[in-house]
Amino acid sequence: MDIEELFHHLEDFERPYVSRQRNPFLVLIGGILSTRTKDEVTEKALKRLIEHAPDLKKLNEFPVEKIEELIYPVGFYHTKAKKLKMLTKTLLEKYKGKIPQKLDQLLSLPGVGRKVATLVLSAAFDKDEICVDTHVHRISNRLGLVKTKNVLETERELKKVIPQKHWKEINSCFVTLGKRFCHPKRPMCTYCPLKNTCHYRRRAASSAK
């Protein structure tokens, strides 16, 4: 597959709300809220939360119950509210209210997994990282870019085949592609801009003959 052609087809896609943010606090909180939650639900919840708690200090003042109220109905909002409370306390005490810019430090924070950590590094700090979620893992395999079993393998293998200049774009492009066309079940291959170069599409067409 021609990588430059791939990104050319996707360059006009609107990016997910959290990925468009550049404030590290917003990206971090939004990334946590977005896990197993639709983008439109995440956007509303993040805006509502930030309206009441625009910074770490203010968020830290809220009890868990108030955070739950503000982020509902994101997925697992009870757990996420507790993690956000722990996160703000850790950031204020250990990092003086600053969002760390190192992967290992981000991964040590409550509620922060590799997906959120790499999203913060790439979106907020403009670092060359690939944020791999279920969309990126599924679509990378369907396109034939990689042949992997989990997101960690996908991240590692994508770094071998995708030029570094495109690493930061992959998540936002593939998330939008996944929402519009490349659904987990019943993908809309006929309308997909990558249908002519997609391994999954060619295989499906071949088996239908």
C-alpha atoms as a PDB file:
ATOM      1  CA  MET A   1       0.000   0.000   0.000  1.00  0.00           C
ATOM      2  CA  ASP A   2       1.202   3.521  -0.860  1.00  0.00           C
ATOM      3  CA  ILE A   3       1.398   5.247   2.539  1.00  0.00           C
ATOM      4  CA  GLU A   4       1.358   8.777   1.118  1.00  0.00           C
ATOM      5  CA  GLU A   5      -1.759   7.943  -0.902  1.00  0.00           C
ATOM      6  CA  LEU A   6      -3.343   6.503   2.230  1.00  0.00           C
ATOM      7  CA  PHE A   7      -2.932   9.743   4.183  1.00  0.00           C
ATOM      8  CA  HIS A   8      -3.920  11.808   1.158  1.00  0.00           C
ATOM      9  CA  HIS A   9      -7.323  10.092   1.154  1.00  0.00           C
ATOM     10  CA  LEU A  10      -7.752  10.787   4.880  1.00  0.00           C
ATOM     11  CA  GLU A  11      -6.380  14.327   5.133  1.00  0.00           C
ATOM     12  CA  ASP A  12      -9.797  16.036   4.924  1.00  0.00           C
ATOM     13  CA  PHE A  13     -11.339  13.950   7.704  1.00  0.00           C
ATOM     14  CA  GLU A  14     -12.509  15.930  10.719  1.00  0.00           C
ATOM     15  CA  ARG A  15     -10.465  14.876  13.733  1.00  0.00           C
ATOM     16  CA  PRO A  16     -12.064  13.613  16.974  1.00  0.00           C
ATOM     17  CA  TYR A  17     -12.724  16.380  19.498  1.00  0.00           C
ATOM     18  CA  VAL A  18     -10.117  15.307  22.062  1.00  0.00           C
ATOM     19  CA  SER A  19      -7.437  14.889  19.380  1.00  0.00           C
ATOM     20  CA  ARG A  20      -8.005  18.487  18.263  1.00  0.00           C
ATOM     21  CA  GLN A  21      -7.160  19.869  21.692  1.00  0.00           C
ATOM     22  CA  ARG A  22      -3.674  21.155  22.455  1.00  0.00           C
ATOM     23  CA  ASN A  23      -4.015  21.846  26.165  1.00  0.00           C
ATOM     24  CA  PRO A  24      -2.339  18.900  27.985  1.00  0.00           C
ATOM     25  CA  PHE A  25      -4.939  19.000  30.769  1.00  0.00           C
ATOM     26  CA  LEU A  26      -7.824  18.752  28.297  1.00  0.00           C
ATOM     27  CA  VAL A  27      -6.199  15.972  26.281  1.00  0.00           C
ATOM     28  CA  LEU A  28      -5.380  13.958  29.393  1.00  0.00           C
ATOM     29  CA  ILE A  29      -8.833  14.264  30.951  1.00  0.00           C
ATOM     30  CA  GLY A  30     -10.560  13.862  27.603  1.00  0.00           C
ATOM     31  CA  GLY A  31      -8.492  10.798  26.796  1.00  0.00           C
ATOM     32  CA  ILE A  32      -9.562   9.119  30.019  1.00  0.00           C
ATOM     33  CA  LEU A  33     -13.218   9.991  29.426  1.00  0.00           C
ATOM     34  CA  SER A  34     -13.092   8.746  25.824  1.00  0.00           C
ATOM     35  CA  THR A  35     -12.248   5.142  26.684  1.00  0.00           C
ATOM     36  CA  ARG A  36     -15.187   2.947  25.614  1.00  0.00           C
ATOM     37  CA  THR A  37     -17.252   6.065  24.968  1.00  0.00           C
ATOM     38  CA  LYS A  38     -18.523   7.616  21.754  1.00  0.00           C
ATOM     39  CA  ASP A  39     -16.777  10.807  20.677  1.00  0.00           C
ATOM     40  CA  GLU A  40     -19.917  12.940  20.847  1.00  0.00           C
ATOM     41  CA  VAL A  41     -20.606  11.785  24.428  1.00  0.00           C
ATOM     42  CA  THR A  42     -16.979  12.450  25.400  1.00  0.00           C
ATOM     43  CA  GLU A  43     -17.099  15.946  23.917  1.00  0.00           C
ATOM     44  CA  LYS A  44     -20.199  16.959  25.857  1.00  0.00           C
ATOM     45  CA  ALA A  45     -18.900  15.470  29.103  1.00  0.00           C
ATOM     46  CA  LEU A  46     -15.479  17.120  28.767  1.00  0.00           C
ATOM     47  CA  LYS A  47     -16.987  20.524  27.999  1.00  0.00           C
ATOM     48  CA  ARG A  48     -19.342  20.193  30.963  1.00  0.00           C
ATOM     49  CA  LEU A  49     -16.524  19.160  33.284  1.00  0.00           C
ATOM     50  CA  ILE A  50     -14.176  21.937  32.157  1.00  0.00           C
ATOM     51  CA  GLU A  51     -16.918  24.522  32.505  1.00  0.00           C
ATOM     52  CA  HIS A  52     -17.056  23.736  36.216  1.00  0.00           C
ATOM     53  CA  ALA A  53     -13.424  22.715  36.726  1.00  0.00           C
ATOM     54  CA  PRO A  54     -11.142  24.519  34.247  1.00  0.00           C
ATOM     55  CA  ASP A  55      -7.934  23.364  35.930  1.00  0.00           C
ATOM     56  CA  LEU A  56      -6.467  20.682  38.177  1.00  0.00           C
ATOM     57  CA  LYS A  57      -6.844  22.652  41.392  1.00  0.00           C
ATOM     58  CA  LYS A  58     -10.545  23.249  40.871  1.00  0.00           C
ATOM     59  CA  LEU A  59     -11.156  19.633  39.817  1.00  0.00           C
ATOM     60  CA  ASN A  60      -9.340  18.427  42.926  1.00  0.00           C
ATOM     61  CA  GLU A  61     -11.802  20.354  45.094  1.00  0.00           C
ATOM     62  CA  PHE A  62     -14.748  18.354  43.786  1.00  0.00           C
ATOM     63  CA  PRO A  63     -15.930  15.207  45.558  1.00  0.00           C
ATOM     64  CA  VAL A  64     -16.139  12.040  43.461  1.00  0.00           C
ATOM     65  CA  GLU A  65     -19.932  12.307  43.391  1.00  0.00           C
ATOM     66  CA  LYS A  66     -19.755  15.740  41.732  1.00  0.00           C
ATOM     67  CA  ILE A  67     -17.303  14.474  39.111  1.00  0.00           C
ATOM     68  CA  GLU A  68     -19.627  11.541  38.418  1.00  0.00           C
ATOM     69  CA  GLU A  69     -22.493  13.951  37.886  1.00  0.00           C
ATOM     70  CA  LEU A  70     -20.501  16.072  35.444  1.00  0.00           C
ATOM     71  CA  ILE A  71     -19.069  13.258  33.295  1.00  0.00           C
ATOM     72  CA  TYR A  72     -22.211  11.084  33.107  1.00  0.00           C
ATOM     73  CA  PRO A  73     -23.032   9.217  30.824  1.00  0.00           C
ATOM     74  CA  VAL A  74     -19.498   8.310  29.675  1.00  0.00           C
ATOM     75  CA  GLY A  75     -18.696   4.620  29.944  1.00  0.00           C
ATOM     76  CA  PHE A  76     -17.677   3.437  33.419  1.00  0.00           C
ATOM     77  CA  TYR A  77     -18.249   6.923  34.830  1.00  0.00           C
ATOM     78  CA  HIS A  78     -18.150   5.705  38.442  1.00  0.00           C
ATOM     79  CA  THR A  79     -14.657   4.272  37.992  1.00  0.00           C
ATOM     80  CA  LYS A  80     -13.454   7.187  35.878  1.00  0.00           C
ATOM     81  CA  ALA A  81     -14.617   9.722  38.465  1.00  0.00           C
ATOM     82  CA  LYS A  82     -12.563   7.967  41.151  1.00  0.00           C
ATOM     83  CA  LYS A  83      -9.537   7.786  38.839  1.00  0.00           C
ATOM     84  CA  LEU A  84      -9.825  11.482  37.975  1.00  0.00           C
ATOM     85  CA  LYS A  85      -9.909  12.366  41.677  1.00  0.00           C
ATOM     86  CA  MET A  86      -6.776  10.274  42.287  1.00  0.00           C
ATOM     87  CA  LEU A  87      -5.142  11.671  39.151  1.00  0.00           C
ATOM     88  CA  THR A  88      -5.548  15.315  40.123  1.00  0.00           C
ATOM     89  CA  LYS A  89      -4.184  14.636  43.609  1.00  0.00           C
ATOM     90  CA  THR A  90      -1.136  12.852  42.169  1.00  0.00           C
ATOM     91  CA  LEU A  91      -0.423  15.579  39.611  1.00  0.00           C
ATOM     92  CA  LEU A  92      -0.681  18.346  42.199  1.00  0.00           C
ATOM     93  CA  GLU A  93       1.442  16.586  44.808  1.00  0.00           C
ATOM     94  CA  LYS A  94       4.050  14.847  42.642  1.00  0.00           C
ATOM     95  CA  TYR A  95       4.264  17.082  39.561  1.00  0.00           C
ATOM     96  CA  LYS A  96       3.222  20.467  40.972  1.00  0.00           C
ATOM     97  CA  GLY A  97       0.179  20.576  38.709  1.00  0.00           C
ATOM     98  CA  LYS A  98       2.122  19.964  35.509  1.00  0.00           C
ATOM     99  CA  ILE A  99       1.312  17.196  33.035  1.00  0.00           C
ATOM    100  CA  PRO A 100       4.477  15.098  32.594  1.00  0.00           C
ATOM    101  CA  GLN A 101       5.951  14.729  29.109  1.00  0.00           C
ATOM    102  CA  LYS A 102       7.551  11.307  29.504  1.00  0.00           C
ATOM    103  CA  LEU A 103       5.757   8.082  28.651  1.00  0.00           C
ATOM    104  CA  ASP A 104       6.753   6.203  31.804  1.00  0.00           C
ATOM    105  CA  GLN A 105       5.618   9.071  34.013  1.00  0.00           C
ATOM    106  CA  LEU A 106       2.251   9.307  32.264  1.00  0.00           C
ATOM    107  CA  LEU A 107       1.751   5.554  32.533  1.00  0.00           C
ATOM    108  CA  SER A 108       2.301   5.750  36.293  1.00  0.00           C
ATOM    109  CA  LEU A 109      -0.686   8.091  36.701  1.00  0.00           C
ATOM    110  CA  PRO A 110      -4.052   6.737  37.942  1.00  0.00           C
ATOM    111  CA  GLY A 111      -6.402   5.908  35.076  1.00  0.00           C
ATOM    112  CA  VAL A 112      -3.783   6.415  32.363  1.00  0.00           C
ATOM    113  CA  GLY A 113      -3.033   3.521  30.026  1.00  0.00           C
ATOM    114  CA  ARG A 114      -0.814   3.452  26.980  1.00  0.00           C
ATOM    115  CA  LYS A 115      -3.518   4.769  24.639  1.00  0.00           C
ATOM    116  CA  VAL A 116      -4.131   7.875  26.731  1.00  0.00           C
ATOM    117  CA  ALA A 117      -0.418   8.422  27.406  1.00  0.00           C
ATOM    118  CA  THR A 118       0.560   8.331  23.732  1.00  0.00           C
ATOM    119  CA  LEU A 119      -2.418  10.548  22.855  1.00  0.00           C
ATOM    120  CA  VAL A 120      -1.213  13.175  25.326  1.00  0.00           C
ATOM    121  CA  LEU A 121       2.328  13.020  23.966  1.00  0.00           C
ATOM    122  CA  SER A 122       1.284  13.263  20.324  1.00  0.00           C
ATOM    123  CA  ALA A 123      -1.660  15.686  20.515  1.00  0.00           C
ATOM    124  CA  ALA A 124      -0.675  17.959  23.394  1.00  0.00           C
ATOM    125  CA  PHE A 125       3.123  17.863  23.245  1.00  0.00           C
ATOM    126  CA  ASP A 126       3.569  17.272  19.486  1.00  0.00           C
ATOM    127  CA  LYS A 127       5.808  14.261  20.048  1.00  0.00           C
ATOM    128  CA  ASP A 128       6.182  11.528  17.444  1.00  0.00           C
ATOM    129  CA  GLU A 129       4.109   8.761  19.000  1.00  0.00           C
ATOM    130  CA  ILE A 130       1.442   6.441  17.608  1.00  0.00           C
ATOM    131  CA  CYS A 131      -1.704   6.251  19.708  1.00  0.00           C
ATOM    132  CA  VAL A 132      -3.224   2.821  19.107  1.00  0.00           C
ATOM    133  CA  ASP A 133      -6.779   2.085  20.199  1.00  0.00           C
ATOM    134  CA  THR A 134      -9.228  -0.544  18.963  1.00  0.00           C
ATOM    135  CA  HIS A 135      -9.966   1.470  15.812  1.00  0.00           C
ATOM    136  CA  VAL A 136      -6.301   1.748  14.868  1.00  0.00           C
ATOM    137  CA  HIS A 137      -5.650  -1.914  15.656  1.00  0.00           C
ATOM    138  CA  ARG A 138      -8.639  -3.143  13.640  1.00  0.00           C
ATOM    139  CA  ILE A 139      -8.144  -0.886  10.628  1.00  0.00           C
ATOM    140  CA  SER A 140      -4.372  -1.386  10.415  1.00  0.00           C
ATOM    141  CA  ASN A 141      -4.939  -5.125  10.185  1.00  0.00           C
ATOM    142  CA  ARG A 142      -7.819  -4.818   7.727  1.00  0.00           C
ATOM    143  CA  LEU A 143      -5.786  -2.592   5.434  1.00  0.00           C
ATOM    144  CA  GLY A 144      -2.937  -5.084   5.521  1.00  0.00           C
ATOM    145  CA  LEU A 145      -0.479  -2.636   7.074  1.00  0.00           C
ATOM    146  CA  VAL A 146       0.231  -5.078   9.896  1.00  0.00           C
ATOM    147  CA  LYS A 147      -0.703  -8.565  10.990  1.00  0.00           C
ATOM    148  CA  THR A 148      -0.927  -8.355  14.766  1.00  0.00           C
ATOM    149  CA  LYS A 149      -2.898  -9.754  17.692  1.00  0.00           C
ATOM    150  CA  ASN A 150      -2.997  -6.822  20.113  1.00  0.00           C
ATOM    151  CA  VAL A 151      -2.598  -3.046  20.293  1.00  0.00           C
ATOM    152  CA  LEU A 152       0.967  -3.155  21.625  1.00  0.00           C
ATOM    153  CA  GLU A 153       2.102  -5.300  18.698  1.00  0.00           C
ATOM    154  CA  THR A 154       0.238  -2.967  16.335  1.00  0.00           C
ATOM    155  CA  GLU A 155       2.013   0.092  17.708  1.00  0.00           C
ATOM    156  CA  ARG A 156       5.397  -1.556  17.348  1.00  0.00           C
ATOM    157  CA  GLU A 157       4.769  -2.823  13.804  1.00  0.00           C
ATOM    158  CA  LEU A 158       3.197   0.410  12.573  1.00  0.00           C
ATOM    159  CA  LYS A 159       6.345   2.256  13.549  1.00  0.00           C
ATOM    160  CA  LYS A 160       8.195   0.027  11.106  1.00  0.00           C
ATOM    161  CA  VAL A 161       5.942   0.692   8.105  1.00  0.00           C
ATOM    162  CA  ILE A 162       4.619   4.227   8.635  1.00  0.00           C
ATOM    163  CA  PRO A 163       7.005   7.183   8.120  1.00  0.00           C
ATOM    164  CA  GLN A 164       7.578   9.003  11.393  1.00  0.00           C
ATOM    165  CA  LYS A 165       6.113  12.238  10.019  1.00  0.00           C
ATOM    166  CA  HIS A 166       2.685  10.536   9.948  1.00  0.00           C
ATOM    167  CA  TRP A 167       2.755   8.909  13.386  1.00  0.00           C
ATOM    168  CA  LYS A 168       0.790  11.670  15.098  1.00  0.00           C
ATOM    169  CA  GLU A 169      -1.957  11.533  12.431  1.00  0.00           C
ATOM    170  CA  ILE A 170      -2.744   7.834  12.537  1.00  0.00           C
ATOM    171  CA  ASN A 171      -5.086   7.762  15.520  1.00  0.00           C
ATOM    172  CA  SER A 172      -7.298  10.682  14.542  1.00  0.00           C
ATOM    173  CA  CYS A 173      -7.498   9.544  10.896  1.00  0.00           C
ATOM    174  CA  PHE A 174      -8.294   5.927  11.694  1.00  0.00           C
ATOM    175  CA  VAL A 175     -10.766   6.757  14.462  1.00  0.00           C
ATOM    176  CA  THR A 176     -12.764   8.870  12.015  1.00  0.00           C
ATOM    177  CA  LEU A 177     -12.461   6.175   9.343  1.00  0.00           C
ATOM    178  CA  GLY A 178     -13.709   3.620  11.863  1.00  0.00           C
ATOM    179  CA  LYS A 179     -16.687   5.746  12.848  1.00  0.00           C
ATOM    180  CA  ARG A 180     -17.725   6.500   9.273  1.00  0.00           C
ATOM    181  CA  PHE A 181     -16.932   3.363   7.322  1.00  0.00           C
ATOM    182  CA  CYS A 182     -14.739   0.696   8.895  1.00  0.00           C
ATOM    183  CA  HIS A 183     -17.151  -0.460  11.596  1.00  0.00           C
ATOM    184  CA  PRO A 184     -16.247  -3.510  13.709  1.00  0.00           C
ATOM    185  CA  LYS A 185     -19.237  -5.308  12.213  1.00  0.00           C
ATOM    186  CA  ARG A 186     -20.657  -4.721   8.736  1.00  0.00           C
ATOM    187  CA  PRO A 187     -18.077  -2.222   7.494  1.00  0.00           C
ATOM    188  CA  MET A 188     -19.293   0.076   4.722  1.00  0.00           C
ATOM    189  CA  CYS A 189     -16.566  -0.917   2.287  1.00  0.00           C
ATOM    190  CA  THR A 190     -18.449   0.277  -0.793  1.00  0.00           C
ATOM    191  CA  TYR A 191     -18.263   3.887   0.372  1.00  0.00           C
ATOM    192  CA  CYS A 192     -14.799   3.813   1.966  1.00  0.00           C
ATOM    193  CA  PRO A 193     -12.147   6.039   0.316  1.00  0.00           C
ATOM    194  CA  LEU A 194      -9.595   3.239   0.792  1.00  0.00           C
ATOM    195  CA  LYS A 195     -11.668   0.473  -0.821  1.00  0.00           C
ATOM    196  CA  ASN A 196      -9.350   0.101  -3.812  1.00  0.00           C
ATOM    197  CA  THR A 197      -6.266  -0.564  -1.710  1.00  0.00           C
ATOM    198  CA  CYS A 198      -7.766  -2.384   1.280  1.00  0.00           C
ATOM    199  CA  HIS A 199      -6.698  -5.975   1.885  1.00  0.00           C
ATOM    200  CA  TYR A 200      -9.944  -6.770   3.742  1.00  0.00           C
ATOM    201  CA  ARG A 201     -12.059  -5.418   0.858  1.00  0.00           C
ATOM    202  CA  ARG A 202     -10.125  -7.382  -1.772  1.00  0.00           C
ATOM    203  CA  ARG A 203     -10.367 -10.575   0.266  1.00  0.00           C
ATOM    204  CA  ALA A 204     -14.122 -10.128   0.806  1.00  0.00           C
ATOM    205  CA  ALA A 205     -14.681  -9.454  -2.885  1.00  0.00           C
ATOM    206  CA  SER A 206     -12.631 -12.519  -3.823  1.00  0.00           C
ATOM    207  CA  SER A 207     -14.515 -14.848  -1.471  1.00  0.00           C
ATOM    208  CA  ALA A 208     -17.844 -13.603  -2.826  1.00  0.00           C
ATOM    209  CA  LYS A 209     -17.039 -14.831  -6.344  1.00  0.00           C
END
